[in-house]
Amino acid sequence: LGLLIGSERKNRNKSAGIRTHVIVALGAALIMVVSKYGFMDVEKADAARVAAQVVSGIGFLGAGVIFVRNNLVNGLTTAAGIWATAGVGLALGSGMYVVGISSALLVLFVQFVMHRIAYFADVASGGLIRMTLVKREGIVQSMEDYLQREKLSVISVKINKTKKDEVKLEFDVVFPPGYKKTKLLARLVEMDDVLAVSE
């Protein structure tokens, strides 16, 4: 079941793939079995204590796949998938096969369906827009206002004056979900003040 969940992540080029999910599921199942049956010789053994540590302990793996790029958080879904995979392993290790298998299938269903429905699949994305503009008064503010009218969130801007009559700008922006970047670049390059533009 970990292999199935990991395959979906691998097919989407995510950092945690098949091996990670398989080992997480196997390790969680092993810990559950040890927690449940490994202390049969001890009176008043609490079978939940060791297994309970998986829920909090698996967080360090999830934290390893979460990173910030272009002011956007990436890897949250994969981290949540690792955490859910650990839950599947715990369920199977405790003998709750129907619950474990059903949960794994639900995780796969959510992943596949949400990616196929455009409303759920489209997410905001960060990026850079580099421009070379004709130098004139107010050109930087004018270009920033244009990007904001295009529904882009401008995080920061770098300005570099290379020649007397040119100015280079680098906008760090967040594109709204489903935004067509190529259309924006096409509109920008048609402007009289824009000499060059790229991502």
N, C-alpha and C. Protein backbone atom coordinates (compact mmCIF):
# COMPACT_ATOMS: atom_id res chain seq x y z
N LEU A 1 0.83 -1.20 0.00
CA LEU A 1 0.00 0.00 0.00
C LEU A 1 0.87 1.27 0.00
N GLY A 2 1.98 1.21 0.73
CA GLY A 2 2.93 2.32 0.68
C GLY A 2 3.50 2.50 -0.71
N LEU A 3 3.72 1.38 -1.40
CA LEU A 3 4.23 1.43 -2.77
C LEU A 3 3.24 2.14 -3.70
N LEU A 4 1.95 1.86 -3.51
CA LEU A 4 0.93 2.50 -4.35
C LEU A 4 0.89 4.00 -4.13
N ILE A 5 0.90 4.41 -2.84
CA ILE A 5 0.87 5.84 -2.52
C ILE A 5 2.14 6.52 -3.03
N GLY A 6 3.29 5.86 -2.85
CA GLY A 6 4.56 6.41 -3.31
C GLY A 6 4.64 6.52 -4.83
N SER A 7 4.01 5.58 -5.52
CA SER A 7 4.02 5.62 -6.99
C SER A 7 3.33 6.87 -7.51
N GLU A 8 2.23 7.25 -6.87
CA GLU A 8 1.50 8.46 -7.29
C GLU A 8 2.39 9.69 -7.11
N ARG A 9 3.12 9.77 -6.00
CA ARG A 9 4.02 10.91 -5.75
C ARG A 9 5.18 10.90 -6.73
N LYS A 10 5.73 9.71 -7.02
CA LYS A 10 6.86 9.61 -7.95
C LYS A 10 6.45 10.06 -9.35
N ASN A 11 5.25 9.68 -9.77
CA ASN A 11 4.77 10.06 -11.09
C ASN A 11 4.57 11.56 -11.24
N ARG A 12 4.50 12.27 -10.12
CA ARG A 12 4.37 13.73 -10.15
C ARG A 12 5.69 14.41 -9.81
N ASN A 13 6.78 13.64 -9.89
CA ASN A 13 8.14 14.17 -9.67
C ASN A 13 8.31 14.83 -8.31
N LYS A 14 7.75 14.21 -7.28
CA LYS A 14 7.89 14.72 -5.92
C LYS A 14 9.12 14.12 -5.26
N SER A 15 9.63 14.82 -4.23
CA SER A 15 10.90 14.42 -3.62
C SER A 15 10.81 13.09 -2.88
N ALA A 16 9.68 12.80 -2.25
CA ALA A 16 9.51 11.53 -1.54
C ALA A 16 8.68 10.59 -2.42
N GLY A 17 9.31 9.50 -2.87
CA GLY A 17 8.64 8.61 -3.81
C GLY A 17 8.35 7.24 -3.24
N ILE A 18 8.56 6.22 -4.07
CA ILE A 18 8.16 4.86 -3.73
C ILE A 18 8.90 4.34 -2.50
N ARG A 19 10.23 4.40 -2.51
CA ARG A 19 11.00 3.79 -1.41
C ARG A 19 10.67 4.44 -0.07
N THR A 20 10.55 5.77 -0.07
CA THR A 20 10.25 6.46 1.19
C THR A 20 8.92 5.99 1.76
N HIS A 21 7.88 5.94 0.92
CA HIS A 21 6.56 5.56 1.40
C HIS A 21 6.51 4.09 1.81
N VAL A 22 7.20 3.24 1.07
CA VAL A 22 7.23 1.82 1.42
C VAL A 22 7.89 1.62 2.78
N ILE A 23 9.03 2.27 2.99
CA ILE A 23 9.74 2.11 4.26
C ILE A 23 8.94 2.70 5.41
N VAL A 24 8.28 3.83 5.18
CA VAL A 24 7.45 4.42 6.23
C VAL A 24 6.32 3.47 6.62
N ALA A 25 5.63 2.91 5.61
CA ALA A 25 4.52 1.99 5.89
C ALA A 25 5.02 0.73 6.60
N LEU A 26 6.12 0.18 6.10
CA LEU A 26 6.68 -1.04 6.70
C LEU A 26 7.17 -0.79 8.12
N GLY A 27 7.87 0.34 8.31
CA GLY A 27 8.38 0.68 9.63
C GLY A 27 7.27 0.91 10.63
N ALA A 28 6.21 1.61 10.21
CA ALA A 28 5.08 1.87 11.11
C ALA A 28 4.38 0.57 11.49
N ALA A 29 4.22 -0.32 10.51
CA ALA A 29 3.59 -1.62 10.79
C ALA A 29 4.45 -2.43 11.76
N LEU A 30 5.77 -2.42 11.55
CA LEU A 30 6.68 -3.13 12.44
C LEU A 30 6.60 -2.60 13.87
N ILE A 31 6.60 -1.27 14.00
CA ILE A 31 6.53 -0.65 15.33
C ILE A 31 5.20 -1.00 16.02
N MET A 32 4.13 -1.04 15.23
CA MET A 32 2.83 -1.39 15.80
C MET A 32 2.83 -2.83 16.30
N VAL A 33 3.41 -3.74 15.52
CA VAL A 33 3.48 -5.15 15.92
C VAL A 33 4.32 -5.31 17.19
N VAL A 34 5.47 -4.61 17.22
CA VAL A 34 6.32 -4.67 18.42
C VAL A 34 5.59 -4.09 19.62
N SER A 35 4.90 -2.97 19.40
CA SER A 35 4.18 -2.33 20.49
C SER A 35 3.07 -3.22 21.04
N LYS A 36 2.44 -3.98 20.14
CA LYS A 36 1.28 -4.79 20.54
C LYS A 36 1.69 -6.14 21.12
N TYR A 37 2.74 -6.76 20.54
CA TYR A 37 3.08 -8.12 20.93
C TYR A 37 4.47 -8.27 21.56
N GLY A 38 5.26 -7.21 21.58
CA GLY A 38 6.63 -7.33 22.05
C GLY A 38 6.79 -7.28 23.54
N PHE A 39 5.73 -7.01 24.27
CA PHE A 39 5.83 -6.87 25.72
C PHE A 39 4.87 -7.81 26.43
N MET A 40 4.70 -9.00 25.84
CA MET A 40 3.76 -9.98 26.40
C MET A 40 4.24 -10.49 27.77
N ASP A 41 5.57 -10.37 28.01
CA ASP A 41 6.11 -10.88 29.27
C ASP A 41 6.03 -9.85 30.40
N VAL A 42 5.49 -8.70 30.11
CA VAL A 42 5.41 -7.63 31.11
C VAL A 42 3.96 -7.45 31.54
N GLU A 43 3.73 -7.40 32.82
CA GLU A 43 2.37 -7.16 33.31
C GLU A 43 2.02 -5.68 33.15
N LYS A 44 0.79 -5.44 32.85
CA LYS A 44 0.27 -4.07 32.71
C LYS A 44 1.03 -3.29 31.62
N ALA A 45 1.38 -3.92 30.54
CA ALA A 45 2.05 -3.24 29.42
C ALA A 45 1.03 -2.42 28.64
N ASP A 46 1.38 -1.20 28.30
CA ASP A 46 0.50 -0.33 27.51
C ASP A 46 0.88 -0.48 26.04
N ALA A 47 0.04 -1.17 25.27
CA ALA A 47 0.36 -1.47 23.87
C ALA A 47 0.37 -0.22 22.99
N ALA A 48 -0.20 0.86 23.46
CA ALA A 48 -0.30 2.06 22.61
C ALA A 48 0.92 2.97 22.73
N ARG A 49 1.74 2.76 23.75
CA ARG A 49 2.81 3.73 24.02
C ARG A 49 3.84 3.83 22.91
N VAL A 50 4.37 2.71 22.48
CA VAL A 50 5.40 2.75 21.43
C VAL A 50 4.80 3.22 20.12
N ALA A 51 3.64 2.68 19.75
CA ALA A 51 3.00 3.05 18.49
C ALA A 51 2.63 4.53 18.45
N ALA A 52 2.29 5.08 19.62
CA ALA A 52 1.89 6.49 19.66
C ALA A 52 3.02 7.42 19.24
N GLN A 53 4.25 6.98 19.44
CA GLN A 53 5.39 7.82 19.09
C GLN A 53 5.57 7.94 17.58
N VAL A 54 5.00 7.03 16.81
CA VAL A 54 5.09 7.11 15.35
C VAL A 54 4.37 8.37 14.86
N VAL A 55 3.23 8.67 15.45
CA VAL A 55 2.42 9.81 15.01
C VAL A 55 3.20 11.11 15.09
N SER A 56 3.91 11.31 16.20
CA SER A 56 4.70 12.53 16.34
C SER A 56 6.08 12.39 15.70
N GLY A 57 6.66 11.19 15.79
CA GLY A 57 8.02 10.99 15.28
C GLY A 57 8.13 11.07 13.77
N ILE A 58 7.06 10.73 13.05
CA ILE A 58 7.10 10.76 11.58
C ILE A 58 7.19 12.19 11.05
N GLY A 59 6.95 13.15 11.95
CA GLY A 59 6.99 14.55 11.53
C GLY A 59 8.34 14.99 11.00
N PHE A 60 9.44 14.38 11.48
CA PHE A 60 10.75 14.82 11.00
C PHE A 60 10.94 14.46 9.53
N LEU A 61 10.33 13.36 9.08
CA LEU A 61 10.41 13.02 7.65
C LEU A 61 9.59 14.01 6.83
N GLY A 62 8.41 14.33 7.34
CA GLY A 62 7.56 15.30 6.63
C GLY A 62 8.23 16.65 6.52
N ALA A 63 8.89 17.07 7.60
CA ALA A 63 9.58 18.37 7.59
C ALA A 63 10.70 18.39 6.54
N GLY A 64 11.27 17.22 6.26
CA GLY A 64 12.37 17.15 5.30
C GLY A 64 11.95 17.38 3.87
N VAL A 65 10.66 17.22 3.55
CA VAL A 65 10.22 17.40 2.17
C VAL A 65 9.48 18.73 1.98
N ILE A 66 9.33 19.49 3.06
CA ILE A 66 8.68 20.80 2.96
C ILE A 66 9.77 21.86 2.78
N PHE A 67 9.62 22.70 1.77
CA PHE A 67 10.58 23.77 1.56
C PHE A 67 9.88 24.97 0.95
N VAL A 68 10.51 26.12 1.08
CA VAL A 68 9.94 27.37 0.55
C VAL A 68 10.73 27.77 -0.68
N ARG A 69 9.98 28.02 -1.77
CA ARG A 69 10.61 28.46 -3.01
C ARG A 69 9.77 29.57 -3.60
N ASN A 70 10.42 30.67 -3.92
CA ASN A 70 9.73 31.83 -4.47
C ASN A 70 8.56 32.26 -3.59
N ASN A 71 8.81 32.28 -2.29
CA ASN A 71 7.83 32.72 -1.30
C ASN A 71 6.59 31.84 -1.22
N LEU A 72 6.66 30.63 -1.75
CA LEU A 72 5.55 29.69 -1.66
C LEU A 72 6.04 28.41 -0.99
N VAL A 73 5.18 27.82 -0.18
CA VAL A 73 5.51 26.58 0.52
C VAL A 73 5.21 25.40 -0.40
N ASN A 74 6.19 24.52 -0.58
CA ASN A 74 6.04 23.32 -1.39
C ASN A 74 6.28 22.08 -0.55
N GLY A 75 5.64 20.98 -0.93
CA GLY A 75 5.87 19.71 -0.26
C GLY A 75 4.89 19.36 0.83
N LEU A 76 3.90 20.22 1.08
CA LEU A 76 2.94 19.94 2.15
C LEU A 76 2.12 18.68 1.87
N THR A 77 1.69 18.51 0.62
CA THR A 77 0.89 17.34 0.27
C THR A 77 1.69 16.06 0.43
N THR A 78 2.95 16.08 0.00
CA THR A 78 3.80 14.90 0.15
C THR A 78 4.05 14.60 1.63
N ALA A 79 4.27 15.65 2.42
CA ALA A 79 4.47 15.45 3.86
C ALA A 79 3.22 14.85 4.50
N ALA A 80 2.07 15.35 4.12
CA ALA A 80 0.82 14.80 4.65
C ALA A 80 0.63 13.35 4.20
N GLY A 81 1.07 13.05 2.97
CA GLY A 81 0.99 11.68 2.46
C GLY A 81 1.87 10.73 3.24
N ILE A 82 3.07 11.19 3.62
CA ILE A 82 3.96 10.36 4.44
C ILE A 82 3.32 10.08 5.79
N TRP A 83 2.73 11.11 6.37
CA TRP A 83 2.07 10.96 7.68
C TRP A 83 0.91 9.98 7.58
N ALA A 84 0.10 10.11 6.50
CA ALA A 84 -1.03 9.19 6.31
C ALA A 84 -0.55 7.77 6.05
N THR A 85 0.56 7.64 5.32
CA THR A 85 1.12 6.31 5.05
C THR A 85 1.55 5.63 6.34
N ALA A 86 2.10 6.41 7.27
CA ALA A 86 2.46 5.85 8.57
C ALA A 86 1.20 5.35 9.29
N GLY A 87 0.11 6.09 9.17
CA GLY A 87 -1.16 5.66 9.75
C GLY A 87 -1.66 4.36 9.15
N VAL A 88 -1.47 4.21 7.85
CA VAL A 88 -1.85 2.96 7.17
C VAL A 88 -1.03 1.81 7.72
N GLY A 89 0.26 2.03 7.88
CA GLY A 89 1.14 0.99 8.44
C GLY A 89 0.74 0.60 9.85
N LEU A 90 0.40 1.59 10.68
CA LEU A 90 -0.03 1.31 12.04
C LEU A 90 -1.31 0.48 12.05
N ALA A 91 -2.24 0.84 11.17
CA ALA A 91 -3.51 0.10 11.11
C ALA A 91 -3.28 -1.35 10.72
N LEU A 92 -2.44 -1.57 9.72
CA LEU A 92 -2.18 -2.94 9.28
C LEU A 92 -1.40 -3.72 10.33
N GLY A 93 -0.45 -3.05 10.98
CA GLY A 93 0.31 -3.71 12.02
C GLY A 93 -0.54 -4.14 13.20
N SER A 94 -1.61 -3.40 13.45
CA SER A 94 -2.50 -3.74 14.57
C SER A 94 -3.56 -4.75 14.18
N GLY A 95 -3.58 -5.14 12.90
CA GLY A 95 -4.56 -6.13 12.44
C GLY A 95 -5.83 -5.52 11.89
N MET A 96 -5.90 -4.19 11.79
CA MET A 96 -7.10 -3.53 11.25
C MET A 96 -6.95 -3.39 9.73
N TYR A 97 -7.06 -4.53 9.06
CA TYR A 97 -6.76 -4.57 7.63
C TYR A 97 -7.75 -3.77 6.79
N VAL A 98 -9.03 -3.85 7.12
CA VAL A 98 -10.05 -3.12 6.34
C VAL A 98 -9.83 -1.61 6.47
N VAL A 99 -9.57 -1.15 7.69
CA VAL A 99 -9.33 0.28 7.92
C VAL A 99 -8.06 0.73 7.18
N GLY A 100 -6.98 -0.05 7.27
CA GLY A 100 -5.72 0.31 6.63
C GLY A 100 -5.83 0.38 5.11
N ILE A 101 -6.41 -0.67 4.53
CA ILE A 101 -6.55 -0.72 3.07
C ILE A 101 -7.49 0.38 2.58
N SER A 102 -8.60 0.58 3.30
CA SER A 102 -9.56 1.62 2.92
C SER A 102 -8.91 3.01 2.97
N SER A 103 -8.10 3.24 4.00
CA SER A 103 -7.44 4.54 4.13
C SER A 103 -6.45 4.77 2.99
N ALA A 104 -5.68 3.74 2.64
CA ALA A 104 -4.73 3.87 1.53
C ALA A 104 -5.45 4.17 0.22
N LEU A 105 -6.55 3.48 -0.01
CA LEU A 105 -7.33 3.73 -1.23
C LEU A 105 -7.92 5.13 -1.23
N LEU A 106 -8.34 5.61 -0.08
CA LEU A 106 -8.88 6.97 0.01
C LEU A 106 -7.80 8.01 -0.28
N VAL A 107 -6.59 7.79 0.24
CA VAL A 107 -5.48 8.70 -0.03
C VAL A 107 -5.21 8.76 -1.53
N LEU A 108 -5.14 7.60 -2.18
CA LEU A 108 -4.91 7.54 -3.63
C LEU A 108 -6.05 8.21 -4.39
N PHE A 109 -7.29 7.96 -3.96
CA PHE A 109 -8.46 8.55 -4.62
C PHE A 109 -8.39 10.08 -4.56
N VAL A 110 -8.09 10.60 -3.37
CA VAL A 110 -8.01 12.06 -3.21
C VAL A 110 -6.91 12.63 -4.09
N GLN A 111 -5.74 11.98 -4.12
CA GLN A 111 -4.62 12.49 -4.91
C GLN A 111 -4.95 12.52 -6.40
N PHE A 112 -5.48 11.41 -6.91
CA PHE A 112 -5.77 11.34 -8.34
C PHE A 112 -6.91 12.26 -8.74
N VAL A 113 -7.98 12.25 -7.98
CA VAL A 113 -9.16 13.05 -8.34
C VAL A 113 -8.86 14.53 -8.26
N MET A 114 -8.18 14.95 -7.19
CA MET A 114 -7.91 16.39 -7.03
C MET A 114 -7.00 16.92 -8.14
N HIS A 115 -6.11 16.08 -8.65
CA HIS A 115 -5.23 16.53 -9.73
C HIS A 115 -5.95 16.60 -11.07
N ARG A 116 -7.02 15.83 -11.21
CA ARG A 116 -7.74 15.82 -12.48
C ARG A 116 -8.80 16.92 -12.56
N ILE A 117 -9.27 17.40 -11.42
CA ILE A 117 -10.24 18.49 -11.41
C ILE A 117 -9.48 19.80 -11.37
N ALA A 118 -9.68 20.63 -12.38
CA ALA A 118 -8.89 21.85 -12.54
C ALA A 118 -8.97 22.77 -11.33
N TYR A 119 -10.14 22.83 -10.70
CA TYR A 119 -10.32 23.73 -9.55
C TYR A 119 -9.35 23.39 -8.43
N PHE A 120 -9.12 22.09 -8.21
CA PHE A 120 -8.23 21.65 -7.14
C PHE A 120 -6.77 21.59 -7.60
N ALA A 121 -6.55 21.31 -8.88
CA ALA A 121 -5.19 21.12 -9.38
C ALA A 121 -4.44 22.44 -9.52
N ASP A 122 -5.16 23.50 -9.92
CA ASP A 122 -4.51 24.79 -10.12
C ASP A 122 -4.19 25.44 -8.79
N VAL A 123 -2.94 25.77 -8.60
CA VAL A 123 -2.51 26.42 -7.36
C VAL A 123 -1.67 27.64 -7.72
N ALA A 124 -1.53 28.55 -6.77
CA ALA A 124 -0.67 29.71 -6.98
C ALA A 124 0.78 29.25 -7.13
N SER A 125 1.52 29.97 -7.95
CA SER A 125 2.93 29.61 -8.17
C SER A 125 3.77 30.88 -8.18
N GLY A 126 4.98 30.75 -7.69
CA GLY A 126 5.88 31.90 -7.68
C GLY A 126 6.81 31.89 -8.86
N GLY A 127 7.41 33.03 -9.14
CA GLY A 127 8.34 33.10 -10.25
C GLY A 127 8.96 34.49 -10.37
N LEU A 128 9.86 34.60 -11.31
CA LEU A 128 10.54 35.87 -11.58
C LEU A 128 10.17 36.36 -12.98
N ILE A 129 10.00 37.64 -13.11
CA ILE A 129 9.81 38.26 -14.42
C ILE A 129 10.93 39.28 -14.60
N ARG A 130 11.77 39.03 -15.59
CA ARG A 130 12.91 39.92 -15.85
C ARG A 130 12.60 40.79 -17.07
N MET A 131 12.85 42.08 -16.95
CA MET A 131 12.55 43.01 -18.05
C MET A 131 13.70 43.98 -18.26
N THR A 132 13.87 44.36 -19.51
CA THR A 132 14.74 45.49 -19.86
C THR A 132 13.84 46.57 -20.44
N LEU A 133 13.82 47.73 -19.78
CA LEU A 133 12.89 48.80 -20.16
C LEU A 133 13.63 50.05 -20.59
N VAL A 134 12.93 50.86 -21.37
CA VAL A 134 13.44 52.18 -21.71
C VAL A 134 13.37 53.04 -20.45
N LYS A 135 14.47 53.67 -20.12
CA LYS A 135 14.52 54.46 -18.90
C LYS A 135 13.74 55.76 -19.07
N ARG A 136 12.76 55.95 -18.20
CA ARG A 136 12.02 57.21 -18.15
C ARG A 136 11.44 57.36 -16.74
N GLU A 137 11.00 58.52 -16.44
CA GLU A 137 10.48 58.79 -15.10
C GLU A 137 9.21 57.98 -14.82
N GLY A 138 9.20 57.30 -13.69
CA GLY A 138 8.01 56.56 -13.27
C GLY A 138 7.83 55.20 -13.92
N ILE A 139 8.82 54.72 -14.67
CA ILE A 139 8.67 53.46 -15.41
C ILE A 139 8.55 52.26 -14.47
N VAL A 140 9.30 52.28 -13.37
CA VAL A 140 9.26 51.15 -12.43
C VAL A 140 7.90 51.03 -11.78
N GLN A 141 7.39 52.16 -11.27
CA GLN A 141 6.07 52.15 -10.63
C GLN A 141 4.97 51.81 -11.63
N SER A 142 5.13 52.30 -12.84
CA SER A 142 4.14 52.02 -13.89
C SER A 142 4.08 50.52 -14.19
N MET A 143 5.23 49.86 -14.27
CA MET A 143 5.26 48.44 -14.57
C MET A 143 4.72 47.62 -13.40
N GLU A 144 5.05 48.04 -12.17
CA GLU A 144 4.54 47.33 -10.99
C GLU A 144 3.01 47.44 -10.93
N ASP A 145 2.49 48.61 -11.23
CA ASP A 145 1.03 48.80 -11.24
C ASP A 145 0.37 47.92 -12.29
N TYR A 146 1.04 47.78 -13.45
CA TYR A 146 0.48 46.93 -14.51
C TYR A 146 0.40 45.47 -14.06
N LEU A 147 1.47 44.99 -13.42
CA LEU A 147 1.47 43.60 -12.95
C LEU A 147 0.39 43.37 -11.90
N GLN A 148 0.17 44.34 -11.04
CA GLN A 148 -0.86 44.20 -10.02
C GLN A 148 -2.26 44.23 -10.65
N ARG A 149 -2.43 45.01 -11.72
CA ARG A 149 -3.71 44.99 -12.44
C ARG A 149 -3.95 43.64 -13.10
N GLU A 150 -2.86 42.93 -13.39
CA GLU A 150 -2.96 41.59 -13.97
C GLU A 150 -3.17 40.51 -12.90
N LYS A 151 -3.46 40.95 -11.66
CA LYS A 151 -3.76 40.05 -10.53
C LYS A 151 -2.53 39.33 -9.99
N LEU A 152 -1.33 39.82 -10.30
CA LEU A 152 -0.12 39.24 -9.76
C LEU A 152 0.23 39.94 -8.44
N SER A 153 0.73 39.17 -7.49
CA SER A 153 1.22 39.76 -6.23
C SER A 153 2.71 40.00 -6.38
N VAL A 154 3.11 41.25 -6.28
CA VAL A 154 4.53 41.60 -6.40
C VAL A 154 5.16 41.53 -5.02
N ILE A 155 6.10 40.61 -4.85
CA ILE A 155 6.77 40.41 -3.57
C ILE A 155 7.93 41.39 -3.40
N SER A 156 8.74 41.49 -4.44
CA SER A 156 9.89 42.40 -4.40
C SER A 156 10.32 42.74 -5.82
N VAL A 157 11.16 43.76 -5.94
CA VAL A 157 11.68 44.15 -7.25
C VAL A 157 13.14 44.56 -7.11
N LYS A 158 13.97 44.09 -8.06
CA LYS A 158 15.38 44.49 -8.10
C LYS A 158 15.58 45.38 -9.32
N ILE A 159 16.30 46.46 -9.13
CA ILE A 159 16.51 47.43 -10.20
C ILE A 159 18.00 47.55 -10.49
N ASN A 160 18.34 47.49 -11.77
CA ASN A 160 19.74 47.59 -12.17
C ASN A 160 19.84 48.49 -13.41
N LYS A 161 20.51 49.63 -13.25
CA LYS A 161 20.70 50.54 -14.38
C LYS A 161 21.97 50.15 -15.12
N THR A 162 21.82 49.63 -16.32
CA THR A 162 22.99 49.16 -17.07
C THR A 162 23.54 50.24 -18.00
N LYS A 163 22.65 50.92 -18.68
CA LYS A 163 23.06 51.98 -19.60
C LYS A 163 22.27 53.24 -19.28
N LYS A 164 22.63 54.32 -19.91
CA LYS A 164 21.96 55.59 -19.64
C LYS A 164 20.48 55.56 -20.03
N ASP A 165 20.16 54.82 -21.07
CA ASP A 165 18.80 54.85 -21.57
C ASP A 165 18.03 53.56 -21.29
N GLU A 166 18.60 52.65 -20.46
CA GLU A 166 17.94 51.37 -20.16
C GLU A 166 17.94 51.11 -18.66
N VAL A 167 16.95 50.36 -18.22
CA VAL A 167 16.89 49.92 -16.84
C VAL A 167 16.41 48.48 -16.82
N LYS A 168 17.08 47.66 -16.02
CA LYS A 168 16.70 46.26 -15.92
C LYS A 168 15.96 46.02 -14.60
N LEU A 169 14.81 45.34 -14.69
CA LEU A 169 13.99 45.04 -13.52
C LEU A 169 13.85 43.53 -13.36
N GLU A 170 13.79 43.11 -12.12
CA GLU A 170 13.52 41.70 -11.82
C GLU A 170 12.44 41.64 -10.75
N PHE A 171 11.22 41.30 -11.18
CA PHE A 171 10.09 41.23 -10.27
C PHE A 171 9.95 39.81 -9.72
N ASP A 172 9.87 39.71 -8.40
CA ASP A 172 9.56 38.43 -7.74
C ASP A 172 8.05 38.45 -7.48
N VAL A 173 7.31 37.58 -8.18
CA VAL A 173 5.85 37.66 -8.14
C VAL A 173 5.23 36.30 -7.79
N VAL A 174 3.96 36.35 -7.42
CA VAL A 174 3.16 35.15 -7.22
C VAL A 174 2.02 35.19 -8.22
N PHE A 175 1.96 34.16 -9.08
CA PHE A 175 0.91 34.05 -10.08
C PHE A 175 -0.33 33.40 -9.46
N PRO A 176 -1.52 33.91 -9.75
CA PRO A 176 -2.74 33.27 -9.22
C PRO A 176 -2.96 31.90 -9.85
N PRO A 177 -3.79 31.04 -9.24
CA PRO A 177 -4.03 29.70 -9.79
C PRO A 177 -4.52 29.74 -11.24
N GLY A 178 -3.90 28.89 -12.08
CA GLY A 178 -4.31 28.78 -13.48
C GLY A 178 -3.89 29.92 -14.37
N TYR A 179 -3.00 30.78 -13.91
CA TYR A 179 -2.60 31.96 -14.68
C TYR A 179 -1.76 31.56 -15.89
N LYS A 180 -2.04 32.16 -17.05
CA LYS A 180 -1.31 31.87 -18.29
C LYS A 180 -0.11 32.82 -18.41
N LYS A 181 1.07 32.33 -18.04
CA LYS A 181 2.26 33.18 -18.03
C LYS A 181 2.67 33.61 -19.44
N THR A 182 2.50 32.71 -20.40
CA THR A 182 2.94 33.03 -21.77
C THR A 182 2.15 34.21 -22.35
N LYS A 183 0.88 34.29 -22.00
CA LYS A 183 0.06 35.41 -22.51
C LYS A 183 0.53 36.73 -21.92
N LEU A 184 0.92 36.70 -20.65
CA LEU A 184 1.43 37.92 -20.01
C LEU A 184 2.72 38.37 -20.68
N LEU A 185 3.64 37.42 -20.92
CA LEU A 185 4.91 37.77 -21.57
C LEU A 185 4.67 38.33 -22.97
N ALA A 186 3.69 37.76 -23.67
CA ALA A 186 3.37 38.25 -25.02
C ALA A 186 2.86 39.69 -24.97
N ARG A 187 2.03 39.99 -23.97
CA ARG A 187 1.51 41.35 -23.84
C ARG A 187 2.61 42.34 -23.44
N LEU A 188 3.50 41.89 -22.57
CA LEU A 188 4.58 42.78 -22.12
C LEU A 188 5.54 43.13 -23.26
N VAL A 189 5.89 42.14 -24.07
CA VAL A 189 6.87 42.38 -25.14
C VAL A 189 6.31 43.31 -26.21
N GLU A 190 5.00 43.43 -26.30
CA GLU A 190 4.38 44.34 -27.27
C GLU A 190 4.36 45.79 -26.81
N MET A 191 4.68 46.03 -25.54
CA MET A 191 4.68 47.41 -25.03
C MET A 191 5.87 48.19 -25.59
N ASP A 192 5.67 49.47 -25.82
CA ASP A 192 6.71 50.31 -26.41
C ASP A 192 7.92 50.45 -25.50
N ASP A 193 7.69 50.51 -24.18
CA ASP A 193 8.81 50.73 -23.24
C ASP A 193 9.59 49.45 -22.94
N VAL A 194 9.09 48.30 -23.35
CA VAL A 194 9.74 47.02 -23.02
C VAL A 194 10.67 46.62 -24.16
N LEU A 195 11.96 46.50 -23.84
CA LEU A 195 12.94 46.08 -24.85
C LEU A 195 13.14 44.56 -24.85
N ALA A 196 13.04 43.95 -23.66
CA ALA A 196 13.19 42.49 -23.53
C ALA A 196 12.47 42.05 -22.28
N VAL A 197 11.96 40.79 -22.31
CA VAL A 197 11.27 40.25 -21.14
C VAL A 197 11.48 38.73 -21.12
N SER A 198 11.64 38.17 -19.93
CA SER A 198 11.80 36.74 -19.79
C SER A 198 11.39 36.32 -18.38
N GLU A 199 11.23 35.00 -18.20
CA GLU A 199 10.90 34.46 -16.88
C GLU A 199 12.18 34.22 -16.10
